[in-house]
Amino acid sequence: MLTDPLPPKHQLLQACRGELAADHPLLRLARELTDLHERRLCAAKDTIADRRFIDDIDSRRAGLVRDIDRWITLQLPPSHGAAHVHTETLGAVIDRLAQFTACAFAALASASQWELGNAWEHLAELAIGYDDLAAEVCAGRRRLPGGP
């Protein structure tokens, strides 16, 4: 077990941007998820895009989310008996961080000022939420769905 299994938000965001600062399983998986979200955004803009291509991307994302959730279950100690359950798995949170990162960077190229600010605000708020959740889960004050 790692002494600090969940990377802080700044490392996770760096990984989503392709700037892997450390060799950590969650950082690699976050980068892969962001790549898939970037491909999905491009495919969604393409009117000729094959729906099966988008479905394949979504299927691969679901597999990566499961990989994250399985890895986390093995790394974290059991939570306290009175710990409240979070509404989604950490894999789902990291997937949304990857999605928001892809959308925020795509907005740099083509969005209005309002849409750009909104995209970056969503990303920042979720990153703070991830950091809070990671601290609570590591301390055993919060548990994840399906976790110990």
Protein backbone atom coordinates (compact mmCIF):
# COMPACT_ATOMS: atom_id res chain seq x y z
CA MET A 1 0.00 0.00 0.00
CA LEU A 2 1.24 3.48 -0.82
CA THR A 3 1.68 5.82 2.15
CA ASP A 4 -0.36 8.48 0.34
CA PRO A 5 -2.28 6.60 -2.34
CA LEU A 6 -4.26 9.50 -3.81
CA PRO A 7 -2.33 12.23 -5.60
CA PRO A 8 -3.22 15.85 -4.84
CA LYS A 9 -5.38 17.81 -7.28
CA HIS A 10 -2.46 19.73 -8.81
CA GLN A 11 -0.75 16.49 -9.86
CA LEU A 12 -4.00 15.05 -11.18
CA LEU A 13 -4.65 18.19 -13.25
CA GLN A 14 -1.08 18.10 -14.57
CA ALA A 15 -1.60 14.50 -15.60
CA CYS A 16 -4.84 15.39 -17.37
CA ARG A 17 -2.91 18.05 -19.30
CA GLY A 18 -0.28 15.48 -20.29
CA GLU A 19 2.36 16.66 -17.84
CA LEU A 20 2.92 13.48 -15.86
CA ALA A 21 4.96 14.55 -12.85
CA ALA A 22 5.20 11.13 -11.21
CA ASP A 23 4.84 7.48 -12.05
CA HIS A 24 1.53 6.87 -10.32
CA PRO A 25 -1.23 4.56 -11.57
CA LEU A 26 -4.00 7.14 -11.07
CA LEU A 27 -2.04 9.81 -12.95
CA ARG A 28 -1.51 7.52 -15.93
CA LEU A 29 -5.18 6.51 -15.97
CA ALA A 30 -6.29 10.16 -15.67
CA ARG A 31 -4.19 11.01 -18.73
CA GLU A 32 -5.70 8.11 -20.68
CA LEU A 33 -9.20 9.25 -19.72
CA THR A 34 -8.45 12.80 -20.88
CA ASP A 35 -7.15 11.48 -24.21
CA LEU A 36 -10.40 9.56 -24.67
CA HIS A 37 -12.48 12.61 -23.82
CA GLU A 38 -10.50 14.68 -26.32
CA ARG A 39 -11.15 12.07 -29.01
CA ARG A 40 -14.82 11.98 -28.08
CA LEU A 41 -15.11 15.77 -28.38
CA CYS A 42 -13.55 15.65 -31.85
CA ALA A 43 -15.78 12.77 -32.92
CA ALA A 44 -18.90 14.53 -31.62
CA LYS A 45 -18.11 17.54 -33.84
CA ASP A 46 -17.70 15.32 -36.89
CA THR A 47 -21.10 14.85 -38.50
CA ILE A 48 -19.84 11.75 -40.28
CA ALA A 49 -18.45 10.17 -37.11
CA ASP A 50 -19.47 6.59 -36.63
CA ARG A 51 -21.61 6.07 -33.50
CA ARG A 52 -19.72 2.82 -32.92
CA PHE A 53 -16.49 4.85 -32.60
CA ILE A 54 -18.03 6.99 -29.85
CA ASP A 55 -19.48 3.90 -28.16
CA ASP A 56 -16.02 2.30 -28.24
CA ILE A 57 -14.52 5.38 -26.58
CA ASP A 58 -17.21 5.28 -23.88
CA SER A 59 -16.64 1.57 -23.33
CA ARG A 60 -12.89 2.12 -22.93
CA ARG A 61 -13.58 4.97 -20.49
CA ALA A 62 -15.87 2.72 -18.43
CA GLY A 63 -13.09 0.12 -18.29
CA LEU A 64 -10.57 2.70 -17.06
CA VAL A 65 -13.01 3.92 -14.41
CA ARG A 66 -13.41 0.32 -13.21
CA ASP A 67 -9.60 -0.05 -13.15
CA ILE A 68 -9.31 3.08 -11.00
CA ASP A 69 -12.01 1.91 -8.61
CA ARG A 70 -10.45 -1.55 -8.23
CA TRP A 71 -7.00 -0.06 -7.64
CA ILE A 72 -8.34 2.35 -5.01
CA THR A 73 -10.20 -0.43 -3.20
CA LEU A 74 -6.91 -2.31 -2.83
CA GLN A 75 -4.95 0.75 -1.67
CA LEU A 76 -7.21 2.38 0.90
CA PRO A 77 -7.81 1.17 4.43
CA PRO A 78 -11.39 0.40 5.41
CA SER A 79 -13.38 3.46 6.41
CA HIS A 80 -14.78 4.06 9.90
CA GLY A 81 -18.11 2.43 10.61
CA ALA A 82 -19.86 5.80 10.78
CA ALA A 83 -18.32 7.13 7.55
CA HIS A 84 -20.84 8.58 5.13
CA VAL A 85 -20.90 7.08 1.65
CA HIS A 86 -20.04 9.38 -1.23
CA THR A 87 -22.45 9.56 -4.16
CA GLU A 88 -19.99 8.35 -6.80
CA THR A 89 -16.79 6.39 -7.05
CA LEU A 90 -13.42 8.07 -7.26
CA GLY A 91 -13.05 6.63 -10.75
CA ALA A 92 -16.17 8.54 -11.80
CA VAL A 93 -14.82 11.75 -10.24
CA ILE A 94 -11.49 11.35 -12.07
CA ASP A 95 -13.36 10.66 -15.31
CA ARG A 96 -15.29 13.92 -14.89
CA LEU A 97 -12.04 15.77 -14.13
CA ALA A 98 -10.64 14.38 -17.37
CA GLN A 99 -13.81 15.41 -19.22
CA PHE A 100 -13.78 18.92 -17.75
CA THR A 101 -10.08 19.28 -18.60
CA ALA A 102 -10.70 18.29 -22.22
CA CYS A 103 -13.67 20.68 -22.43
CA ALA A 104 -11.79 23.56 -20.82
CA PHE A 105 -8.89 23.27 -23.24
CA ALA A 106 -11.26 22.88 -26.20
CA ALA A 107 -13.04 26.05 -25.04
CA LEU A 108 -9.77 27.97 -25.36
CA ALA A 109 -10.00 27.59 -29.12
CA SER A 110 -13.62 28.20 -29.87
CA ALA A 111 -15.82 29.23 -26.96
CA SER A 112 -17.21 32.59 -26.00
CA GLN A 113 -15.69 34.34 -23.00
CA TRP A 114 -18.64 33.23 -20.86
CA GLU A 115 -18.39 29.58 -21.97
CA LEU A 116 -14.64 29.62 -21.42
CA GLY A 117 -14.98 30.98 -17.90
CA ASN A 118 -17.75 28.51 -17.13
CA ALA A 119 -15.66 25.55 -18.33
CA TRP A 120 -12.67 26.55 -16.21
CA GLU A 121 -14.89 27.24 -13.19
CA HIS A 122 -16.42 23.74 -13.40
CA LEU A 123 -12.93 22.24 -13.61
CA ALA A 124 -11.65 24.25 -10.62
CA GLU A 125 -14.66 23.40 -8.46
CA LEU A 126 -14.42 19.69 -9.23
CA ALA A 127 -10.67 19.70 -8.54
CA ILE A 128 -11.31 21.18 -5.09
CA GLY A 129 -14.05 18.61 -4.53
CA TYR A 130 -11.62 15.83 -5.51
CA ASP A 131 -9.02 17.09 -3.02
CA ASP A 132 -11.61 17.23 -0.23
CA LEU A 133 -12.92 13.76 -1.09
CA ALA A 134 -9.41 12.29 -1.28
CA ALA A 135 -8.56 13.67 2.18
CA GLU A 136 -11.79 12.35 3.69
CA VAL A 137 -11.44 8.91 2.09
CA CYS A 138 -7.80 8.56 3.16
CA ALA A 139 -8.73 9.56 6.71
CA GLY A 140 -11.61 7.06 6.75
CA ARG A 141 -14.25 9.76 7.31
CA ARG A 142 -15.91 9.08 3.95
CA ARG A 143 -16.34 5.84 2.09
CA LEU A 144 -16.82 5.20 -1.60
CA PRO A 145 -19.67 3.20 -3.14
CA GLY A 146 -18.73 -0.46 -3.25
CA GLY A 147 -15.69 0.14 -1.06
CA PRO A 148 -14.70 -1.37 2.25
